[in-house]
Amino acid sequence: MSLITLHDGTSIPQFGFGTWQIPDADARPRVVEALEAGYRHVDTAQMYGNESGVGRAIADVGLSRDELYVTTKLNNNNHDPQRAIASIDDSLERLGLDYVDLFLIHWPLPGIGIDYVDTWHAMVEIQGTGKARSIGVSNFNADHLQRLIELPGSVVPVVNQIEVHPYFAQNELRAFNKNHRIATEAWSPLAQGQVFDDPTLAGIAERVGAPVSQVVLAWHLQRGDIVFPKASSPARIAENFAAQDLKLDAEAVAAIDALDENRRIGPDPATFDWVPADEV
């Protein structure tokens, strides 16, 4: 499995297992299947409500801690700095871990009345305790990132986890990330299933003798992004994992690049301000 070295000196597996929309009760069997298939990077979040299930899976498989890379993310109702600091302890208890490898601010939430810069200061404090080895952000646009980068003595996020797929390639933001040594993580890499009905992708898949999912995931990997698709069966978990062995030629990459429509599927971080019922 390929590793990407982050600017803080740590390394992250480029390919992982995503748990978005997997209920807590189902997270344990799905994550067990992923770990048994060879995955060593698991991505969860406080918002997903499945950290406990992920933790049970980690305990059941029994891998040594240094073999695993675990990411979780700050919930939108925990942006208050003191709540953010307290929330990592709650996450660690649910996960059954002493630390997470990566802790992210899930959304910038520019309109909620709590400045994400203050939240970022809390993230830096959490990293200082050792409860998170690395810290980063998710769904931050370039202007959001610029404010963090310009802070005196700034701690620059190691990753920015953003929506990326063939219809929303995010080339400009990916370039901004790269210019500031911020690794790009791609969520919804399969465009929430929309790639499976695409004739261009189907044609490439037929030519290379691989499923559409592997073709798209291989495209992400060759671009250098970190990717963690979700899967709901052992067969699909294994199928996705095998994308690491597929190498696309320049013709295939160019054809997928040409699918970019600058079309989001998820919310726009510039305006998204949803906070759970437990309001800050």
Protein backbone atom coordinates (compact mmCIF):
# COMPACT_ATOMS: atom_id res chain seq x y z
CA MET A 1 0.00 0.00 0.00
CA SER A 2 1.34 3.42 -0.98
CA LEU A 3 2.08 5.89 1.80
CA ILE A 4 2.03 9.67 1.48
CA THR A 5 4.34 11.65 3.73
CA LEU A 6 2.60 14.65 5.27
CA HIS A 7 4.41 17.90 6.01
CA ASP A 8 4.50 17.17 9.75
CA GLY A 9 6.65 14.09 9.06
CA THR A 10 3.93 11.47 9.56
CA SER A 11 2.76 9.12 6.81
CA ILE A 12 -0.78 8.24 5.75
CA PRO A 13 -1.89 5.27 3.63
CA GLN A 14 -3.11 6.65 0.31
CA PHE A 15 -5.96 4.13 0.16
CA GLY A 16 -8.44 3.68 2.98
CA PHE A 17 -11.93 2.60 3.97
CA GLY A 18 -14.68 5.20 4.37
CA THR A 19 -17.55 4.83 6.82
CA TRP A 20 -19.89 7.71 5.87
CA GLN A 21 -23.55 6.61 6.04
CA ILE A 22 -22.66 3.29 7.66
CA PRO A 23 -24.79 2.94 10.84
CA ASP A 24 -22.98 2.16 14.05
CA ALA A 25 -24.39 -1.38 14.20
CA ASP A 26 -23.08 -2.10 10.70
CA ALA A 27 -19.73 -0.36 11.15
CA ARG A 28 -18.20 -3.21 13.13
CA PRO A 29 -18.73 -5.95 10.47
CA ARG A 30 -17.87 -3.65 7.56
CA VAL A 31 -14.65 -2.38 9.14
CA VAL A 32 -13.68 -5.92 10.21
CA GLU A 33 -14.13 -7.04 6.59
CA ALA A 34 -12.03 -4.11 5.38
CA LEU A 35 -9.20 -4.73 7.83
CA GLU A 36 -9.19 -8.44 7.03
CA ALA A 37 -9.01 -7.54 3.31
CA GLY A 38 -5.86 -5.52 3.94
CA TYR A 39 -7.06 -1.98 4.55
CA ARG A 40 -5.08 -0.17 7.24
CA HIS A 41 -6.63 3.31 7.01
CA VAL A 42 -10.15 3.92 8.36
CA ASP A 43 -11.97 7.24 8.04
CA THR A 44 -14.83 8.08 10.42
CA ALA A 45 -16.30 11.21 12.06
CA GLN A 46 -18.15 12.30 15.15
CA MET A 47 -21.01 13.32 12.83
CA TYR A 48 -21.31 9.80 11.39
CA GLY A 49 -22.36 8.36 14.74
CA ASN A 50 -20.38 5.17 14.14
CA GLU A 51 -17.12 5.70 16.05
CA SER A 52 -18.16 3.02 18.56
CA GLY A 53 -18.71 0.47 15.81
CA VAL A 54 -15.37 1.35 14.25
CA GLY A 55 -13.74 0.92 17.66
CA ARG A 56 -15.32 -2.49 18.19
CA ALA A 57 -14.00 -3.61 14.81
CA ILE A 58 -10.48 -2.43 15.62
CA ALA A 59 -10.59 -4.29 18.94
CA ASP A 60 -11.96 -7.46 17.35
CA VAL A 61 -9.35 -7.66 14.60
CA GLY A 62 -6.55 -7.13 17.10
CA LEU A 63 -3.96 -5.47 14.89
CA SER A 64 -1.20 -3.60 16.66
CA ARG A 65 -1.91 0.12 16.94
CA ASP A 66 1.02 1.13 14.78
CA GLU A 67 -0.43 -0.92 11.90
CA LEU A 68 -3.56 1.24 11.76
CA TYR A 69 -4.27 4.79 10.61
CA VAL A 70 -7.50 6.20 12.05
CA THR A 71 -9.10 9.52 11.13
CA THR A 72 -12.04 11.19 12.81
CA LYS A 73 -13.57 14.62 12.43
CA LEU A 74 -14.96 17.34 14.67
CA ASN A 75 -18.75 17.58 14.67
CA ASN A 76 -20.36 20.85 13.64
CA ASN A 77 -21.77 21.42 17.12
CA ASN A 78 -18.31 21.23 18.69
CA HIS A 79 -16.68 24.30 17.12
CA ASP A 80 -16.53 26.15 20.42
CA PRO A 81 -12.87 25.68 21.44
CA GLN A 82 -13.65 24.14 24.82
CA ARG A 83 -16.15 21.76 23.28
CA ALA A 84 -13.66 20.82 20.60
CA ILE A 85 -11.04 19.98 23.22
CA ALA A 86 -13.53 17.90 25.22
CA SER A 87 -14.84 16.13 22.13
CA ILE A 88 -11.59 14.38 21.30
CA ASP A 89 -11.79 12.53 24.62
CA ASP A 90 -15.30 11.40 23.73
CA SER A 91 -14.12 10.20 20.33
CA LEU A 92 -11.19 8.31 21.83
CA GLU A 93 -13.47 6.61 24.35
CA ARG A 94 -15.86 5.51 21.60
CA LEU A 95 -12.98 4.32 19.40
CA GLY A 96 -11.20 2.60 22.28
CA LEU A 97 -7.94 4.34 21.37
CA ASP A 98 -5.37 6.47 23.14
CA TYR A 99 -4.95 8.72 20.11
CA VAL A 100 -6.16 9.20 16.54
CA ASP A 101 -3.71 9.56 13.71
CA LEU A 102 -5.63 12.44 12.16
CA PHE A 103 -8.28 14.82 13.51
CA LEU A 104 -10.08 17.17 11.13
CA ILE A 105 -12.42 20.13 11.38
CA HIS A 106 -15.30 18.68 9.37
CA TRP A 107 -16.69 21.94 7.91
CA PRO A 108 -15.60 25.59 8.17
CA LEU A 109 -19.18 26.79 8.95
CA PRO A 110 -18.46 30.46 8.18
CA GLY A 111 -21.88 31.71 9.31
CA ILE A 112 -22.43 30.12 12.74
CA GLY A 113 -20.88 32.87 14.86
CA ILE A 114 -17.83 30.86 15.96
CA ASP A 115 -14.72 31.64 13.96
CA TYR A 116 -13.10 28.48 12.65
CA VAL A 117 -9.75 30.15 13.34
CA ASP A 118 -10.53 29.87 17.06
CA THR A 119 -11.53 26.25 16.50
CA TRP A 120 -8.21 25.68 14.74
CA HIS A 121 -6.31 27.01 17.76
CA ALA A 122 -8.11 24.32 19.79
CA MET A 123 -7.08 21.70 17.26
CA VAL A 124 -3.45 22.77 17.66
CA GLU A 125 -3.85 22.41 21.43
CA ILE A 126 -5.28 18.91 20.96
CA GLN A 127 -2.31 17.94 18.83
CA GLY A 128 -0.03 19.20 21.56
CA THR A 129 -1.56 16.72 24.02
CA GLY A 130 -0.74 13.79 21.71
CA LYS A 131 -4.41 12.81 21.42
CA ALA A 132 -4.19 13.52 17.68
CA ARG A 133 -0.91 12.86 15.90
CA SER A 134 -1.84 15.13 12.99
CA ILE A 135 -4.52 17.77 12.41
CA GLY A 136 -6.20 19.00 9.30
CA VAL A 137 -9.43 20.24 7.80
CA SER A 138 -12.25 19.05 5.60
CA ASN A 139 -14.32 21.00 3.07
CA PHE A 140 -12.17 24.13 3.32
CA ASN A 141 -11.97 26.40 0.28
CA ALA A 142 -8.79 28.30 -0.55
CA ASP A 143 -9.96 31.46 1.25
CA HIS A 144 -10.71 29.45 4.40
CA LEU A 145 -7.26 27.86 4.28
CA GLN A 146 -5.53 31.16 3.60
CA ARG A 147 -6.69 32.54 6.95
CA LEU A 148 -5.11 29.59 8.76
CA ILE A 149 -1.91 29.79 6.75
CA GLU A 150 -1.48 33.49 7.55
CA LEU A 151 -1.80 33.05 11.33
CA PRO A 152 1.32 34.08 13.27
CA GLY A 153 3.38 30.94 13.88
CA SER A 154 0.80 29.07 11.87
CA VAL A 155 0.34 25.33 12.03
CA VAL A 156 -0.70 24.51 8.47
CA PRO A 157 -3.25 21.69 8.09
CA VAL A 158 -1.63 18.50 6.84
CA VAL A 159 -4.66 17.53 4.74
CA ASN A 160 -7.80 19.06 3.26
CA GLN A 161 -10.52 16.46 2.74
CA ILE A 162 -12.78 17.72 -0.06
CA GLU A 163 -15.36 16.51 -2.56
CA VAL A 164 -13.49 15.20 -5.61
CA HIS A 165 -14.73 12.92 -8.40
CA PRO A 166 -14.64 12.89 -12.21
CA TYR A 167 -17.48 15.45 -12.45
CA PHE A 168 -15.90 17.78 -9.87
CA ALA A 169 -12.15 17.47 -10.27
CA GLN A 170 -11.32 20.47 -8.04
CA ASN A 171 -8.08 21.12 -9.93
CA GLU A 172 -7.69 24.71 -8.70
CA LEU A 173 -8.19 23.86 -5.03
CA ARG A 174 -5.99 20.77 -5.34
CA ALA A 175 -3.24 22.98 -6.77
CA PHE A 176 -3.66 25.44 -3.89
CA ASN A 177 -3.37 22.57 -1.42
CA LYS A 178 -0.25 21.27 -3.11
CA ASN A 179 1.39 24.70 -3.19
CA HIS A 180 1.01 24.85 0.60
CA ARG A 181 2.09 21.24 1.22
CA ILE A 182 -1.47 20.25 2.14
CA ALA A 183 -2.41 16.77 0.95
CA THR A 184 -5.77 16.39 -0.79
CA GLU A 185 -8.17 13.71 0.39
CA ALA A 186 -11.09 12.92 -1.94
CA TRP A 187 -14.51 12.21 -0.46
CA SER A 188 -17.32 10.79 -2.62
CA PRO A 189 -14.65 9.56 -5.06
CA LEU A 190 -17.29 7.59 -7.00
CA ALA A 191 -19.68 10.57 -7.13
CA GLN A 192 -22.11 8.74 -4.84
CA GLY A 193 -22.56 6.03 -7.46
CA GLN A 194 -23.14 8.29 -10.45
CA VAL A 195 -19.98 7.00 -12.16
CA PHE A 196 -21.57 3.59 -12.71
CA ASP A 197 -23.97 4.95 -15.37
CA ASP A 198 -21.32 6.87 -17.30
CA PRO A 199 -20.71 5.53 -20.84
CA THR A 200 -17.19 6.98 -21.03
CA LEU A 201 -16.17 5.21 -17.85
CA ALA A 202 -17.91 2.01 -18.94
CA GLY A 203 -15.93 2.09 -22.18
CA ILE A 204 -12.63 2.53 -20.35
CA ALA A 205 -13.55 -0.25 -17.93
CA GLU A 206 -14.27 -2.62 -20.82
CA ARG A 207 -11.00 -1.73 -22.55
CA VAL A 208 -8.83 -2.28 -19.47
CA GLY A 209 -10.80 -5.25 -18.18
CA ALA A 210 -11.66 -3.78 -14.79
CA PRO A 211 -14.83 -2.59 -13.03
CA VAL A 212 -15.79 1.08 -13.30
CA SER A 213 -15.13 1.53 -9.59
CA GLN A 214 -11.51 0.41 -9.99
CA VAL A 215 -11.02 2.67 -13.00
CA VAL A 216 -12.21 5.75 -11.13
CA LEU A 217 -10.30 4.93 -7.96
CA ALA A 218 -7.14 4.31 -9.98
CA TRP A 219 -7.62 7.75 -11.59
CA HIS A 220 -7.74 9.32 -8.11
CA LEU A 221 -4.63 7.47 -6.99
CA GLN A 222 -2.64 8.42 -10.08
CA ARG A 223 -3.53 12.07 -9.44
CA GLY A 224 -1.91 11.70 -6.03
CA ASP A 225 -5.02 12.10 -3.89
CA ILE A 226 -5.80 10.09 -0.76
CA VAL A 227 -9.01 8.13 -1.26
CA PHE A 228 -11.24 6.03 1.00
CA PRO A 229 -14.32 4.59 -0.72
CA LYS A 230 -17.18 3.10 1.24
CA ALA A 231 -18.41 -0.42 0.44
CA SER A 232 -21.25 -2.52 1.81
CA SER A 233 -20.13 -6.07 1.04
CA PRO A 234 -16.92 -8.11 1.29
CA ALA A 235 -16.86 -8.48 -2.52
CA ARG A 236 -17.07 -4.74 -3.12
CA ILE A 237 -14.54 -4.05 -0.34
CA ALA A 238 -12.07 -6.36 -2.07
CA GLU A 239 -12.90 -4.98 -5.51
CA ASN A 240 -12.17 -1.43 -4.42
CA PHE A 241 -8.94 -2.48 -2.70
CA ALA A 242 -7.67 -4.01 -5.95
CA ALA A 243 -7.81 -0.59 -7.63
CA GLN A 244 -4.33 -0.02 -6.22
CA ASP A 245 -2.99 -2.54 -8.75
CA LEU A 246 -4.58 -0.89 -11.80
CA LYS A 247 -2.52 1.57 -13.83
CA LEU A 248 -4.34 3.69 -16.39
CA ASP A 249 -2.69 4.86 -19.59
CA ALA A 250 -2.60 8.52 -20.63
CA GLU A 251 -5.57 8.09 -22.95
CA ALA A 252 -7.79 6.80 -20.15
CA VAL A 253 -6.67 9.51 -17.73
CA ALA A 254 -7.35 12.23 -20.31
CA ALA A 255 -10.82 10.84 -21.02
CA ILE A 256 -11.69 10.88 -17.32
CA ASP A 257 -10.21 14.37 -16.92
CA ALA A 258 -12.54 15.53 -19.70
CA LEU A 259 -15.61 14.53 -17.65
CA ASP A 260 -15.10 17.45 -15.27
CA GLU A 261 -18.21 19.66 -15.17
CA ASN A 262 -17.34 21.60 -12.01
CA ARG A 263 -20.50 20.00 -10.59
CA ARG A 264 -20.87 19.49 -6.86
CA ILE A 265 -22.97 16.75 -5.36
CA GLY A 266 -22.51 17.80 -1.73
CA PRO A 267 -22.98 21.18 -0.02
CA ASP A 268 -20.98 24.29 -0.85
CA PRO A 269 -18.55 25.02 2.03
CA ALA A 270 -18.93 28.76 1.38
CA THR A 271 -22.54 28.65 2.55
CA PHE A 272 -23.05 25.37 4.43
CA ASP A 273 -23.89 26.15 8.06
CA TRP A 274 -25.81 23.10 9.30
CA VAL A 275 -25.35 22.35 13.00
CA PRO A 276 -26.98 19.38 14.79
CA ALA A 277 -29.84 20.00 17.20
CA ASP A 278 -27.44 20.36 20.12
CA GLU A 279 -26.61 23.90 19.02
CA VAL A 280 -23.44 25.68 19.97
